[in-house]
Amino acid sequence: MMMMMMMMMMMMMMMMMMMMMMMMLRSILYWT
C-alpha cells in the first residue's frame, strides 16, 4: 500500500512538472 501511494505521488509530481514545462515553453514561444 505504501509503495503504491509513493508511486502515485511520484507520477503526479512528474505530470505537474511536465505541465509546468509545457506552459513555460508555450509562454516563451508566445513572447518571441
C-alpha atoms as a PDB file:
ATOM      1  CA  MET A   1       0.000   0.000   0.000  1.00  0.00           C
ATOM      2  CA  MET A   2       2.667   2.480   0.975  1.00  0.00           C
ATOM      3  CA  MET A   3       4.650   1.732  -2.160  1.00  0.00           C
ATOM      4  CA  MET A   4       1.586   2.269  -4.317  1.00  0.00           C
ATOM      5  CA  MET A   5       0.915   5.626  -2.679  1.00  0.00           C
ATOM      6  CA  MET A   6       4.512   6.679  -3.214  1.00  0.00           C
ATOM      7  CA  MET A   7       4.365   5.659  -6.854  1.00  0.00           C
ATOM      8  CA  MET A   8       1.143   7.603  -7.354  1.00  0.00           C
ATOM      9  CA  MET A   9       2.672  10.691  -5.742  1.00  0.00           C
ATOM     10  CA  MET A  10       5.736  10.411  -7.945  1.00  0.00           C
ATOM     11  CA  MET A  11       3.586  10.087 -11.045  1.00  0.00           C
ATOM     12  CA  MET A  12       1.549  13.138 -10.058  1.00  0.00           C
ATOM     13  CA  MET A  13       4.700  15.145  -9.456  1.00  0.00           C
ATOM     14  CA  MET A  14       6.071  14.128 -12.828  1.00  0.00           C
ATOM     15  CA  MET A  15       2.837  15.126 -14.545  1.00  0.00           C
ATOM     16  CA  MET A  16       2.851  18.500 -12.795  1.00  0.00           C
ATOM     17  CA  MET A  17       6.448  19.096 -13.794  1.00  0.00           C
ATOM     18  CA  MET A  18       5.676  18.230 -17.396  1.00  0.00           C
ATOM     19  CA  MET A  19       2.690  20.588 -17.433  1.00  0.00           C
ATOM     20  CA  MET A  20       4.787  23.387 -15.967  1.00  0.00           C
ATOM     21  CA  MET A  21       7.497  22.840 -18.539  1.00  0.00           C
ATOM     22  CA  MET A  22       4.987  22.876 -21.363  1.00  0.00           C
ATOM     23  CA  MET A  23       3.416  26.087 -20.073  1.00  0.00           C
ATOM     24  CA  MET A  24       6.819  27.724 -19.759  1.00  0.00           C
ATOM     25  CA  LEU A  25       7.766  26.686 -23.284  1.00  0.00           C
ATOM     26  CA  ARG A  26       4.488  27.926 -24.638  1.00  0.00           C
ATOM     27  CA  SER A  27       4.844  31.280 -22.901  1.00  0.00           C
ATOM     28  CA  ILE A  28       8.402  31.627 -24.182  1.00  0.00           C
ATOM     29  CA  LEU A  29       7.296  30.846 -27.719  1.00  0.00           C
ATOM     30  CA  TYR A  30       4.447  33.277 -27.304  1.00  0.00           C
ATOM     31  CA  TRP A  31       6.791  36.069 -26.278  1.00  0.00           C
ATOM     32  CA  THR A  32       9.285  35.626 -29.075  1.00  0.00           C
END
